[in-house]
């Protein structure tokens, strides 16, 4: 199983939605960390485990851009079937992220 621990592998303090909004944005995380690992997991037919613990708060804009953005590139069912989530520190976070994935609208 492939793993991304956001706090250790990316930032303990994730930023806002877009790169232009500042450091550690959801867009940066998606493009530079999430997509490469996601594609690796798809190729290997493995799960990608996302660990949210250790971070100091996740903005809605970060989460929607990272995970909703992934579902706008790939089918939301493929994303949900490939990703597994852990959040002991904020249990409701997992449901929020799953909803961002389910409700992501494809870019035409």
N, C-alpha and C. Protein backbone atom coordinates (compact mmCIF):
# COMPACT_ATOMS: atom_id res chain seq x y z
N UNK A 1 0.85 -1.19 0.00
CA UNK A 1 0.00 0.00 0.00
C UNK A 1 0.89 1.24 0.00
N UNK A 2 0.55 2.19 -0.83
CA UNK A 2 1.24 3.47 -0.88
C UNK A 2 0.63 4.40 0.15
N UNK A 3 1.46 5.27 0.71
CA UNK A 3 1.00 6.15 1.80
C UNK A 3 1.46 7.58 1.56
N UNK A 4 0.54 8.51 1.83
CA UNK A 4 0.90 9.93 1.95
C UNK A 4 0.44 10.38 3.32
N UNK A 5 1.38 10.80 4.15
CA UNK A 5 1.06 11.46 5.40
C UNK A 5 1.23 12.95 5.11
N UNK A 6 0.13 13.66 5.02
CA UNK A 6 0.18 15.06 4.57
C UNK A 6 1.10 15.90 5.44
N UNK A 7 1.01 15.75 6.76
CA UNK A 7 1.83 16.55 7.67
C UNK A 7 3.32 16.26 7.49
N UNK A 8 3.69 15.02 7.30
CA UNK A 8 5.10 14.65 7.17
C UNK A 8 5.63 14.82 5.75
N UNK A 9 4.82 14.47 4.76
CA UNK A 9 5.29 14.47 3.38
C UNK A 9 5.07 15.80 2.66
N UNK A 10 4.17 16.63 3.17
CA UNK A 10 3.83 17.87 2.48
C UNK A 10 3.98 19.08 3.40
N UNK A 11 3.09 19.23 4.36
CA UNK A 11 3.15 20.36 5.29
C UNK A 11 2.27 20.10 6.51
N UNK A 12 2.75 20.50 7.68
CA UNK A 12 1.93 20.43 8.89
C UNK A 12 0.82 21.47 8.87
N UNK A 13 1.02 22.52 8.06
CA UNK A 13 0.03 23.60 7.97
C UNK A 13 -0.32 23.81 6.50
N UNK A 14 -1.24 22.99 5.97
CA UNK A 14 -1.63 23.14 4.57
C UNK A 14 -2.27 24.51 4.33
N UNK A 15 -2.09 25.01 3.12
CA UNK A 15 -2.57 26.35 2.79
C UNK A 15 -3.96 26.37 2.18
N UNK A 16 -4.15 27.30 1.27
CA UNK A 16 -5.45 27.54 0.66
C UNK A 16 -5.60 26.73 -0.64
N UNK A 17 -6.44 27.19 -1.54
CA UNK A 17 -6.79 26.43 -2.74
C UNK A 17 -5.69 26.42 -3.80
N UNK A 18 -5.27 27.59 -4.27
CA UNK A 18 -4.39 27.67 -5.44
C UNK A 18 -2.97 28.06 -5.06
N UNK A 19 -2.02 27.73 -5.92
CA UNK A 19 -0.62 28.10 -5.71
C UNK A 19 -0.48 29.61 -5.52
N UNK A 20 -1.25 30.38 -6.29
CA UNK A 20 -1.15 31.84 -6.19
C UNK A 20 -1.65 32.37 -4.84
N UNK A 21 -2.35 31.51 -4.07
CA UNK A 21 -2.83 31.90 -2.74
C UNK A 21 -1.74 31.78 -1.68
N UNK A 22 -0.62 31.16 -2.02
CA UNK A 22 0.47 31.01 -1.06
C UNK A 22 1.00 29.59 -1.04
N UNK A 23 1.92 29.37 -0.13
CA UNK A 23 2.59 28.07 -0.02
C UNK A 23 1.64 26.97 0.43
N UNK A 24 1.99 25.77 0.03
CA UNK A 24 1.32 24.53 0.47
C UNK A 24 -0.17 24.50 0.13
N UNK A 25 -0.49 24.90 -1.08
CA UNK A 25 -1.89 24.95 -1.51
C UNK A 25 -2.41 23.56 -1.87
N UNK A 26 -3.72 23.45 -1.95
CA UNK A 26 -4.35 22.22 -2.39
C UNK A 26 -3.96 21.88 -3.81
N UNK A 27 -3.82 22.89 -4.65
CA UNK A 27 -3.40 22.68 -6.03
C UNK A 27 -1.98 22.09 -6.08
N UNK A 28 -1.07 22.65 -5.29
CA UNK A 28 0.30 22.14 -5.23
C UNK A 28 0.32 20.70 -4.72
N UNK A 29 -0.43 20.43 -3.66
CA UNK A 29 -0.49 19.06 -3.12
C UNK A 29 -1.01 18.08 -4.17
N UNK A 30 -2.11 18.46 -4.84
CA UNK A 30 -2.69 17.57 -5.84
C UNK A 30 -1.72 17.30 -6.98
N UNK A 31 -1.15 18.36 -7.53
CA UNK A 31 -0.30 18.21 -8.71
C UNK A 31 1.04 17.55 -8.41
N UNK A 32 1.66 17.92 -7.29
CA UNK A 32 3.03 17.48 -7.01
C UNK A 32 3.12 16.22 -6.17
N UNK A 33 2.08 15.91 -5.40
CA UNK A 33 2.13 14.76 -4.49
C UNK A 33 1.04 13.74 -4.78
N UNK A 34 -0.21 14.21 -4.82
CA UNK A 34 -1.34 13.30 -4.91
C UNK A 34 -1.43 12.60 -6.26
N UNK A 35 -1.38 13.33 -7.35
CA UNK A 35 -1.52 12.70 -8.67
C UNK A 35 -0.40 11.69 -8.95
N UNK A 36 0.87 12.02 -8.70
CA UNK A 36 1.91 11.00 -8.95
C UNK A 36 1.71 9.72 -8.14
N UNK A 37 1.36 9.85 -6.87
CA UNK A 37 1.12 8.65 -6.03
C UNK A 37 -0.15 7.93 -6.46
N UNK A 38 -1.17 8.69 -6.83
CA UNK A 38 -2.43 8.11 -7.29
C UNK A 38 -2.20 7.28 -8.54
N UNK A 39 -1.46 7.84 -9.49
CA UNK A 39 -1.17 7.11 -10.73
C UNK A 39 -0.31 5.88 -10.46
N UNK A 40 0.60 5.99 -9.52
CA UNK A 40 1.41 4.83 -9.12
C UNK A 40 0.52 3.74 -8.53
N UNK A 41 -0.43 4.13 -7.70
CA UNK A 41 -1.36 3.16 -7.10
C UNK A 41 -2.23 2.50 -8.17
N UNK A 42 -2.73 3.29 -9.12
CA UNK A 42 -3.54 2.73 -10.20
C UNK A 42 -2.74 1.71 -11.01
N UNK A 43 -1.52 2.08 -11.35
CA UNK A 43 -0.68 1.19 -12.16
C UNK A 43 -0.38 -0.11 -11.42
N UNK A 44 -0.15 -0.02 -10.11
CA UNK A 44 0.17 -1.20 -9.30
C UNK A 44 -1.08 -1.92 -8.81
N UNK A 45 -2.25 -1.33 -9.09
CA UNK A 45 -3.53 -1.88 -8.60
C UNK A 45 -3.51 -2.03 -7.08
N UNK A 46 -3.04 -0.94 -6.44
CA UNK A 46 -2.97 -0.87 -4.98
C UNK A 46 -3.82 0.28 -4.48
N UNK A 47 -3.99 0.33 -3.17
CA UNK A 47 -4.66 1.45 -2.52
C UNK A 47 -3.62 2.53 -2.22
N UNK A 48 -4.08 3.78 -2.19
CA UNK A 48 -3.28 4.90 -1.73
C UNK A 48 -3.89 5.37 -0.42
N UNK A 49 -3.12 5.27 0.64
CA UNK A 49 -3.57 5.59 1.99
C UNK A 49 -3.20 7.04 2.29
N UNK A 50 -4.20 7.86 2.60
CA UNK A 50 -4.00 9.27 2.93
C UNK A 50 -4.19 9.45 4.43
N UNK A 51 -3.13 9.90 5.11
CA UNK A 51 -3.15 10.10 6.56
C UNK A 51 -3.20 11.61 6.83
N UNK A 52 -4.29 12.06 7.42
CA UNK A 52 -4.47 13.48 7.73
C UNK A 52 -3.91 13.87 9.10
N UNK A 53 -3.59 12.91 9.94
CA UNK A 53 -3.16 13.20 11.31
C UNK A 53 -1.82 13.94 11.33
N UNK A 54 -1.69 14.82 12.31
CA UNK A 54 -0.47 15.59 12.48
C UNK A 54 -0.52 16.98 11.87
N UNK A 55 -1.54 17.24 11.07
CA UNK A 55 -1.70 18.57 10.46
C UNK A 55 -2.42 19.51 11.41
N UNK A 56 -2.16 20.80 11.24
CA UNK A 56 -2.78 21.82 12.09
C UNK A 56 -3.92 22.51 11.36
N UNK A 57 -4.92 21.75 10.99
CA UNK A 57 -6.09 22.31 10.35
C UNK A 57 -6.03 22.23 8.84
N UNK A 58 -7.13 21.84 8.26
CA UNK A 58 -7.26 21.73 6.81
C UNK A 58 -8.38 22.64 6.36
N UNK A 59 -8.05 23.62 5.54
CA UNK A 59 -9.07 24.51 5.00
C UNK A 59 -9.94 23.76 4.01
N UNK A 60 -11.21 24.12 3.96
CA UNK A 60 -12.13 23.52 2.99
C UNK A 60 -11.58 23.69 1.58
N UNK A 61 -11.04 24.85 1.30
CA UNK A 61 -10.53 25.13 -0.05
C UNK A 61 -9.37 24.20 -0.40
N UNK A 62 -8.50 23.91 0.56
CA UNK A 62 -7.39 22.97 0.33
C UNK A 62 -7.93 21.59 0.00
N UNK A 63 -8.83 21.11 0.83
CA UNK A 63 -9.37 19.75 0.67
C UNK A 63 -10.15 19.60 -0.63
N UNK A 64 -10.98 20.58 -0.93
CA UNK A 64 -11.79 20.49 -2.15
C UNK A 64 -10.90 20.55 -3.39
N UNK A 65 -9.92 21.43 -3.39
CA UNK A 65 -9.04 21.54 -4.56
C UNK A 65 -8.20 20.28 -4.74
N UNK A 66 -7.67 19.75 -3.65
CA UNK A 66 -6.83 18.56 -3.75
C UNK A 66 -7.65 17.33 -4.16
N UNK A 67 -8.69 17.03 -3.41
CA UNK A 67 -9.42 15.77 -3.61
C UNK A 67 -10.57 15.91 -4.60
N UNK A 68 -11.31 17.02 -4.54
CA UNK A 68 -12.32 17.28 -5.55
C UNK A 68 -11.65 17.48 -6.91
N UNK A 69 -10.50 18.15 -6.89
CA UNK A 69 -9.73 18.36 -8.12
C UNK A 69 -9.27 17.04 -8.73
N UNK A 70 -8.88 16.10 -7.89
CA UNK A 70 -8.49 14.78 -8.38
C UNK A 70 -9.67 14.09 -9.05
N UNK A 71 -10.85 14.23 -8.45
CA UNK A 71 -12.06 13.61 -9.02
C UNK A 71 -12.53 14.32 -10.29
N UNK A 72 -12.10 15.56 -10.50
CA UNK A 72 -12.42 16.24 -11.76
C UNK A 72 -11.52 15.74 -12.89
N UNK A 73 -10.40 15.15 -12.55
CA UNK A 73 -9.48 14.59 -13.53
C UNK A 73 -9.81 13.12 -13.78
N UNK A 74 -10.04 12.40 -12.72
CA UNK A 74 -10.37 10.98 -12.77
C UNK A 74 -11.81 10.81 -12.33
N UNK A 75 -12.42 9.73 -12.65
CA UNK A 75 -13.79 9.46 -12.22
C UNK A 75 -13.85 9.35 -10.70
N UNK A 76 -14.87 9.93 -10.11
CA UNK A 76 -14.98 9.93 -8.65
C UNK A 76 -15.03 8.51 -8.08
N UNK A 77 -15.63 7.57 -8.80
CA UNK A 77 -15.67 6.18 -8.31
C UNK A 77 -14.28 5.57 -8.27
N UNK A 78 -13.47 5.86 -9.28
CA UNK A 78 -12.09 5.36 -9.29
C UNK A 78 -11.30 5.97 -8.13
N UNK A 79 -11.50 7.26 -7.90
CA UNK A 79 -10.81 7.94 -6.80
C UNK A 79 -11.21 7.32 -5.47
N UNK A 80 -12.51 7.16 -5.25
CA UNK A 80 -12.99 6.59 -3.98
C UNK A 80 -12.56 5.13 -3.80
N UNK A 81 -12.45 4.38 -4.90
CA UNK A 81 -12.01 2.99 -4.80
C UNK A 81 -10.51 2.85 -4.60
N UNK A 82 -9.75 3.89 -4.94
CA UNK A 82 -8.30 3.83 -4.83
C UNK A 82 -7.79 4.43 -3.52
N UNK A 83 -8.45 5.47 -3.04
CA UNK A 83 -7.98 6.13 -1.82
C UNK A 83 -8.61 5.54 -0.57
N UNK A 84 -7.78 5.46 0.48
CA UNK A 84 -8.26 5.16 1.83
C UNK A 84 -7.77 6.28 2.72
N UNK A 85 -8.55 6.61 3.74
CA UNK A 85 -8.25 7.77 4.57
C UNK A 85 -8.13 7.40 6.04
N UNK A 86 -7.26 8.17 6.73
CA UNK A 86 -7.12 8.04 8.19
C UNK A 86 -7.13 9.43 8.79
N UNK A 87 -7.96 9.61 9.81
CA UNK A 87 -7.98 10.86 10.56
C UNK A 87 -8.49 10.56 11.96
N UNK A 88 -7.59 10.18 12.82
CA UNK A 88 -7.95 9.92 14.22
C UNK A 88 -8.23 11.23 14.95
N UNK A 89 -7.55 12.28 14.55
CA UNK A 89 -7.65 13.57 15.25
C UNK A 89 -8.92 14.34 14.90
N UNK A 90 -9.45 14.12 13.71
CA UNK A 90 -10.68 14.81 13.29
C UNK A 90 -11.49 13.85 12.41
N UNK A 91 -12.27 13.01 13.04
CA UNK A 91 -12.99 11.93 12.36
C UNK A 91 -13.90 12.43 11.23
N UNK A 92 -14.53 13.58 11.40
CA UNK A 92 -15.46 14.10 10.39
C UNK A 92 -14.77 14.50 9.10
N UNK A 93 -13.46 14.65 9.14
CA UNK A 93 -12.70 15.06 7.97
C UNK A 93 -12.84 14.06 6.82
N UNK A 94 -12.86 12.79 7.13
CA UNK A 94 -12.94 11.75 6.10
C UNK A 94 -14.25 11.87 5.32
N UNK A 95 -15.34 12.04 6.01
CA UNK A 95 -16.64 12.18 5.34
C UNK A 95 -16.67 13.44 4.47
N UNK A 96 -16.08 14.53 4.97
CA UNK A 96 -16.03 15.76 4.18
C UNK A 96 -15.28 15.54 2.88
N UNK A 97 -14.12 14.91 2.98
CA UNK A 97 -13.30 14.67 1.79
C UNK A 97 -14.03 13.74 0.81
N UNK A 98 -14.65 12.71 1.32
CA UNK A 98 -15.41 11.80 0.45
C UNK A 98 -16.53 12.55 -0.27
N UNK A 99 -17.17 13.48 0.41
CA UNK A 99 -18.22 14.28 -0.22
C UNK A 99 -17.66 15.21 -1.29
N UNK A 100 -16.48 15.80 -1.07
CA UNK A 100 -15.86 16.64 -2.09
C UNK A 100 -15.57 15.82 -3.34
N UNK A 101 -15.16 14.58 -3.14
CA UNK A 101 -14.88 13.69 -4.27
C UNK A 101 -16.18 13.35 -5.01
N UNK A 102 -17.19 12.95 -4.25
CA UNK A 102 -18.47 12.56 -4.86
C UNK A 102 -19.14 13.70 -5.60
N UNK A 103 -18.99 14.92 -5.09
CA UNK A 103 -19.69 16.07 -5.66
C UNK A 103 -18.87 16.89 -6.64
N UNK A 104 -17.66 16.42 -6.96
CA UNK A 104 -16.80 17.16 -7.89
C UNK A 104 -17.43 17.14 -9.28
N UNK A 105 -17.44 18.27 -9.90
CA UNK A 105 -17.99 18.40 -11.26
C UNK A 105 -16.84 18.35 -12.26
N UNK A 106 -17.02 17.53 -13.28
CA UNK A 106 -16.01 17.41 -14.34
C UNK A 106 -15.88 18.75 -15.08
N UNK A 107 -14.66 19.11 -15.39
CA UNK A 107 -14.41 20.31 -16.18
C UNK A 107 -14.65 19.97 -17.64
N UNK A 108 -15.45 20.77 -18.31
CA UNK A 108 -15.79 20.50 -19.71
C UNK A 108 -14.74 21.03 -20.65
